[in-house]
Amino acid sequence: MMIKRPRCCSSDRFGRSVAVTLLVASLGFTGPQVARAEDNPYRSLVSKAAVMVDVTFVLKVKMTGAGGGREIEGETTCLLIDADGLVLCSNTELGGYVGLMSQLMGRGGGFDMSAAPREIKVLVGDRTEGLDGRLLARDSDRDLAWVKLNEPITELGLPFLDLTQAAELQPGDRFYRLRRMDKFFGSVPIVTEGIVAAMVERPRKLLVPTEPTSGGFGLPVFTADGRIVGITVIQFPAAEDQIDGMLSGGMSFLSSAAKLEDMVGGLIMPAAELAKATQLARESFARDDEDE
């Protein structure tokens, strides 16, 4: 005799579907989720590029043993940091690399180079013509330089980066660095991410990324929600004997490769340190004005 299996009724199918749904929910599987644009740091941080400005300048380079020196045109990306038109730059990017080269090549043989940026122009917003600016101060130890626009930016309606609204990161925290591509690519903002590997207290407070960053110095670093963390800087010993000890030639240079990578790998100077250094620069410039 043939035994026929009973057909499942619709109520059985409904019961199984409910059971499966409850099981999936209990395991935490809620299906694919589409991230909102405002939750995506790669999209939201692009708007921060409005605080980035192009600074053009001419370096008057003086070299010992070379008559007259030479002039070099330069351009770098800096940050607007207040409504009065104060601009924060990497000293290395603003011509400070000349003094660094002088240190690295050594002064023992009578070789020395120096340079100062002149004819400074700051391109803000969509303007194609730069605004006049002047070098306010520079701090080669911290790799910072400040340029002051001859007119405030309040009337231009431009945003600026408030260093007091900062986030403090710890090892293991993720950060996002913002830079702009070359004009050949339309100066498109680009976001890259990294992770904090360590924090150092000497020679000052700095964040060390797990991987060296590229694309230059003086670039802003943010959290995923858009709070400023700091900017990328280069850090070299100020004392000449330390430089000479590292770069004395021969195989000793190879043993110092890791040390050099630590110094030029795009360390992050926290915003709190930047704010303090900026205040000191303002006070120093104010004293110079009084002396004059």
Protein backbone atom coordinates (compact mmCIF):
# COMPACT_ATOMS: atom_id res chain seq x y z
CA MET A 1 0.00 0.00 0.00
CA MET A 2 1.38 3.42 -0.96
CA ILE A 3 1.62 5.93 1.84
CA LYS A 4 1.12 9.51 0.80
CA ARG A 5 2.78 12.31 2.71
CA PRO A 6 0.40 14.95 3.90
CA ARG A 7 0.71 18.28 2.18
CA CYS A 8 1.87 21.13 4.35
CA CYS A 9 -0.76 23.61 4.94
CA SER A 10 -0.22 27.36 4.58
CA SER A 11 -0.24 27.75 8.34
CA ASP A 12 2.78 25.39 8.58
CA ARG A 13 4.72 27.41 6.04
CA PHE A 14 3.86 30.60 7.89
CA GLY A 15 5.02 29.07 11.17
CA ARG A 16 8.37 28.02 9.69
CA SER A 17 8.99 31.46 8.20
CA VAL A 18 8.28 33.09 11.54
CA ALA A 19 10.67 30.67 13.27
CA VAL A 20 13.45 31.37 10.76
CA THR A 21 12.93 35.12 11.12
CA LEU A 22 13.16 34.91 14.90
CA LEU A 23 16.29 32.73 14.68
CA VAL A 24 18.06 35.13 12.33
CA ALA A 25 17.13 38.08 14.51
CA SER A 26 18.41 36.31 17.64
CA LEU A 27 21.79 35.71 15.95
CA GLY A 28 22.11 39.38 15.05
CA PHE A 29 21.77 38.94 11.30
CA THR A 30 19.68 41.87 10.20
CA GLY A 31 20.60 41.84 6.53
CA PRO A 32 22.75 44.29 4.57
CA GLN A 33 22.64 47.92 5.67
CA VAL A 34 23.32 50.89 3.45
CA ALA A 35 25.53 53.50 5.13
CA ARG A 36 24.19 57.02 5.08
CA ALA A 37 26.34 59.67 3.40
CA GLU A 38 26.70 61.60 6.65
CA ASP A 39 28.13 58.45 8.32
CA ASN A 40 30.79 58.04 5.64
CA PRO A 41 33.94 60.02 6.58
CA TYR A 42 35.25 59.79 3.05
CA ARG A 43 32.27 61.86 1.91
CA SER A 44 31.69 64.14 4.86
CA LEU A 45 35.34 65.17 5.38
CA VAL A 46 35.69 66.48 1.84
CA SER A 47 33.81 69.61 2.93
CA LYS A 48 36.69 70.39 5.32
CA ALA A 49 38.85 71.16 2.30
CA ALA A 50 37.38 74.68 2.34
CA VAL A 51 39.87 75.63 5.10
CA MET A 52 42.81 74.61 2.89
CA VAL A 53 44.46 77.40 0.90
CA ASP A 54 47.27 77.53 -1.62
CA VAL A 55 50.20 79.73 -0.66
CA THR A 56 52.65 80.82 -3.35
CA PHE A 57 55.98 82.45 -2.56
CA VAL A 58 59.46 83.20 -3.82
CA LEU A 59 62.49 81.94 -1.92
CA LYS A 60 65.60 84.06 -1.93
CA VAL A 61 68.27 81.41 -1.32
CA LYS A 62 71.68 82.46 -0.06
CA MET A 63 74.64 80.08 -0.20
CA THR A 64 78.12 80.57 1.19
CA GLY A 65 80.69 80.67 -1.56
CA ALA A 66 78.06 81.41 -4.21
CA GLY A 67 77.69 84.98 -5.30
CA GLY A 68 74.17 86.39 -5.43
CA GLY A 69 72.33 83.18 -4.56
CA ARG A 70 69.19 82.32 -6.49
CA GLU A 71 65.41 82.64 -6.39
CA ILE A 72 63.04 79.67 -6.32
CA GLU A 73 59.29 79.84 -6.78
CA GLY A 74 57.30 77.65 -4.43
CA GLU A 75 53.74 76.67 -3.60
CA THR A 76 52.24 74.73 -0.72
CA THR A 77 48.93 73.99 0.97
CA CYS A 78 48.21 75.68 4.31
CA LEU A 79 45.24 76.09 6.67
CA LEU A 80 43.11 79.08 7.61
CA ILE A 81 42.89 79.01 11.41
CA ASP A 82 41.07 82.22 12.33
CA ALA A 83 38.80 84.93 10.96
CA ASP A 84 41.59 87.52 11.03
CA GLY A 85 43.33 85.78 8.17
CA LEU A 86 45.95 83.76 10.06
CA VAL A 87 47.31 80.84 8.03
CA LEU A 88 49.17 77.85 9.47
CA CYS A 89 51.77 76.09 7.31
CA SER A 90 54.47 73.49 7.57
CA ASN A 91 57.76 75.36 7.88
CA THR A 92 59.43 72.69 5.76
CA GLU A 93 56.91 73.21 2.96
CA LEU A 94 57.23 77.01 3.20
CA GLY A 95 60.90 76.95 2.25
CA GLY A 96 62.25 75.53 5.50
CA TYR A 97 63.63 72.58 3.60
CA VAL A 98 66.55 74.79 2.57
CA GLY A 99 67.77 75.12 6.14
CA LEU A 100 67.17 71.41 6.66
CA MET A 101 69.32 70.59 3.63
CA SER A 102 72.02 72.79 5.07
CA GLN A 103 71.91 70.80 8.31
CA LEU A 104 71.95 67.44 6.57
CA MET A 105 74.84 68.35 4.26
CA GLY A 106 76.84 69.70 7.17
CA ARG A 107 78.38 73.04 7.96
CA GLY A 108 81.80 71.66 8.81
CA GLY A 109 83.03 72.16 5.26
CA GLY A 110 81.93 75.77 5.16
CA PHE A 111 78.67 74.94 3.35
CA ASP A 112 75.64 76.90 4.48
CA MET A 113 72.30 77.82 2.95
CA SER A 114 69.49 80.03 4.16
CA ALA A 115 66.24 81.23 2.64
CA ALA A 116 63.15 83.23 3.53
CA PRO A 117 59.83 83.31 1.66
CA ARG A 118 58.90 86.60 0.00
CA GLU A 119 56.16 87.83 -2.32
CA ILE A 120 53.66 85.66 -0.46
CA LYS A 121 50.23 85.24 -2.04
CA VAL A 122 47.33 83.28 -0.57
CA LEU A 123 44.68 81.84 -2.88
CA VAL A 124 41.41 81.46 -0.99
CA GLY A 125 38.10 80.00 -2.11
CA ASP A 126 37.56 80.15 -5.86
CA ARG A 127 39.76 83.21 -6.34
CA THR A 128 42.34 82.93 -9.09
CA GLU A 129 44.25 85.97 -7.87
CA GLY A 130 46.12 85.60 -4.59
CA LEU A 131 45.70 87.89 -1.59
CA ASP A 132 48.81 89.55 -0.18
CA GLY A 133 50.28 87.98 2.92
CA ARG A 134 53.39 88.23 5.06
CA LEU A 135 55.41 85.78 7.11
CA LEU A 136 54.33 86.26 10.71
CA ALA A 137 56.66 83.79 12.41
CA ARG A 138 58.30 80.43 11.96
CA ASP A 139 59.21 77.64 14.39
CA SER A 140 61.67 75.30 12.74
CA ASP A 141 61.79 72.96 15.76
CA ARG A 142 58.06 72.28 15.51
CA ASP A 143 58.00 72.56 11.71
CA LEU A 144 55.43 75.35 11.86
CA ALA A 145 55.12 78.70 10.11
CA TRP A 146 52.42 81.35 10.22
CA VAL A 147 51.37 83.66 7.39
CA LYS A 148 49.10 86.64 7.99
CA LEU A 149 46.77 87.94 5.31
CA ASN A 150 46.79 91.71 4.97
CA GLU A 151 42.99 91.66 5.25
CA PRO A 152 40.61 89.54 7.38
CA ILE A 153 38.59 86.76 5.79
CA THR A 154 35.32 87.62 7.54
CA GLU A 155 34.12 89.64 4.57
CA LEU A 156 34.97 86.78 2.24
CA GLY A 157 32.68 84.39 4.09
CA LEU A 158 35.33 81.66 4.31
CA PRO A 159 35.42 79.01 7.03
CA PHE A 160 38.47 78.46 9.21
CA LEU A 161 39.81 75.59 11.29
CA ASP A 162 39.15 76.07 15.00
CA LEU A 163 42.07 74.43 16.81
CA THR A 164 40.22 74.59 20.14
CA GLN A 165 37.53 72.17 18.94
CA ALA A 166 39.89 69.22 18.90
CA ALA A 167 39.80 65.50 19.58
CA GLU A 168 42.50 63.60 21.48
CA LEU A 169 43.39 60.20 20.07
CA GLN A 170 45.02 57.19 21.71
CA PRO A 171 47.02 54.28 20.25
CA GLY A 172 44.70 52.13 18.19
CA ASP A 173 42.38 54.99 17.24
CA ARG A 174 41.69 55.62 13.58
CA PHE A 175 42.27 58.99 11.92
CA TYR A 176 41.60 60.53 8.52
CA ARG A 177 44.03 62.82 6.72
CA LEU A 178 42.89 65.32 4.11
CA ARG A 179 44.93 66.59 1.20
CA ARG A 180 44.31 67.92 -2.28
CA MET A 181 45.61 66.43 -5.47
CA ASP A 182 47.65 68.45 -7.92
CA LYS A 183 45.98 71.07 -10.11
CA PHE A 184 46.54 68.69 -13.01
CA PHE A 185 43.75 66.62 -11.38
CA GLY A 186 41.62 69.62 -10.55
CA SER A 187 42.84 69.95 -6.93
CA VAL A 188 40.32 67.29 -5.91
CA PRO A 189 40.26 66.65 -2.12
CA ILE A 190 41.34 63.16 -1.15
CA VAL A 191 40.91 61.38 2.17
CA THR A 192 43.33 58.74 3.46
CA GLU A 193 43.04 56.88 6.73
CA GLY A 194 45.46 55.56 9.28
CA ILE A 195 45.81 54.28 12.83
CA VAL A 196 47.72 55.77 15.75
CA ALA A 197 50.55 53.42 16.69
CA ALA A 198 52.03 55.34 19.62
CA MET A 199 52.22 58.64 21.47
CA VAL A 200 55.50 60.33 22.35
CA GLU A 201 56.26 63.12 24.82
CA ARG A 202 59.75 63.98 23.53
CA PRO A 203 60.77 66.26 21.99
CA ARG A 204 57.07 67.23 22.39
CA LYS A 205 53.65 65.60 22.25
CA LEU A 206 53.23 63.80 18.93
CA LEU A 207 51.13 61.00 17.49
CA VAL A 208 52.94 58.29 15.54
CA PRO A 209 51.03 56.57 12.69
CA THR A 210 51.33 52.86 12.06
CA GLU A 211 52.46 53.59 8.49
CA PRO A 212 54.35 56.63 7.17
CA THR A 213 52.03 59.16 5.56
CA SER A 214 52.72 60.69 2.16
CA GLY A 215 51.68 63.75 0.22
CA GLY A 216 53.55 66.42 2.16
CA PHE A 217 53.43 68.09 5.56
CA GLY A 218 51.12 70.61 7.18
CA LEU A 219 48.08 68.54 6.23
CA PRO A 220 45.07 68.33 8.56
CA VAL A 221 44.09 65.14 10.36
CA PHE A 222 40.51 64.53 11.55
CA THR A 223 38.35 62.01 13.34
CA ALA A 224 35.53 60.29 11.47
CA ASP A 225 33.04 62.83 12.83
CA GLY A 226 35.09 65.79 11.57
CA ARG A 227 36.91 66.97 14.70
CA ILE A 228 40.44 68.22 14.15
CA VAL A 229 43.21 66.01 15.55
CA GLY A 230 46.29 67.89 14.36
CA ILE A 231 48.54 68.31 11.34
CA THR A 232 51.38 66.30 9.84
CA VAL A 233 54.89 67.56 10.58
CA ILE A 234 58.52 66.61 10.21
CA GLN A 235 60.71 66.52 13.34
CA PHE A 236 64.49 66.74 13.34
CA PRO A 237 66.96 67.29 16.20
CA ALA A 238 67.88 70.92 16.62
CA ALA A 239 71.41 70.20 17.82
CA GLU A 240 73.90 69.88 14.98
CA ASP A 241 75.92 67.19 16.72
CA GLN A 242 72.87 64.91 16.74
CA ILE A 243 72.43 65.37 12.99
CA ASP A 244 76.13 64.83 12.40
CA GLY A 245 76.04 61.67 14.51
CA MET A 246 73.27 60.21 12.41
CA LEU A 247 74.64 61.22 9.03
CA SER A 248 78.36 60.83 9.51
CA GLY A 249 78.68 58.75 6.33
CA GLY A 250 79.52 55.15 5.65
CA MET A 251 77.44 52.25 6.94
CA SER A 252 76.27 54.28 9.94
CA PHE A 253 73.72 55.87 7.65
CA LEU A 254 72.05 52.47 7.11
CA SER A 255 71.74 51.89 10.84
CA SER A 256 69.98 55.26 11.12
CA ALA A 257 67.41 54.60 8.38
CA ALA A 258 64.69 53.64 10.85
CA LYS A 259 65.38 56.76 12.92
CA LEU A 260 65.08 58.95 9.84
CA GLU A 261 61.82 57.28 8.87
CA ASP A 262 60.42 58.09 12.31
CA MET A 263 61.35 61.75 11.84
CA VAL A 264 60.06 62.25 8.31
CA GLY A 265 57.18 59.75 8.31
CA GLY A 266 54.43 62.30 8.80
CA LEU A 267 54.16 62.57 12.58
CA ILE A 268 50.98 64.25 13.80
CA MET A 269 51.24 67.28 16.06
CA PRO A 270 48.08 67.46 18.20
CA ALA A 271 45.83 70.49 17.83
CA ALA A 272 46.40 71.49 21.48
CA GLU A 273 50.13 71.84 20.78
CA LEU A 274 49.37 73.81 17.63
CA ALA A 275 47.13 76.20 19.56
CA LYS A 276 49.82 76.86 22.18
CA ALA A 277 52.50 77.41 19.54
CA THR A 278 50.18 79.76 17.64
CA GLN A 279 49.59 81.86 20.75
CA LEU A 280 53.34 82.14 21.34
CA ALA A 281 53.83 83.17 17.71
CA ARG A 282 51.22 85.92 18.09
CA GLU A 283 52.88 87.23 21.26
CA SER A 284 56.31 87.16 19.67
CA PHE A 285 55.10 89.08 16.64
CA ALA A 286 53.34 91.63 18.87
CA ARG A 287 56.60 92.25 20.77
CA ASP A 288 58.48 92.71 17.50
CA ASP A 289 55.92 95.31 16.41
CA GLU A 290 56.37 97.20 19.68
CA ASP A 291 60.17 97.18 19.32
CA GLU A 292 59.87 98.67 15.86
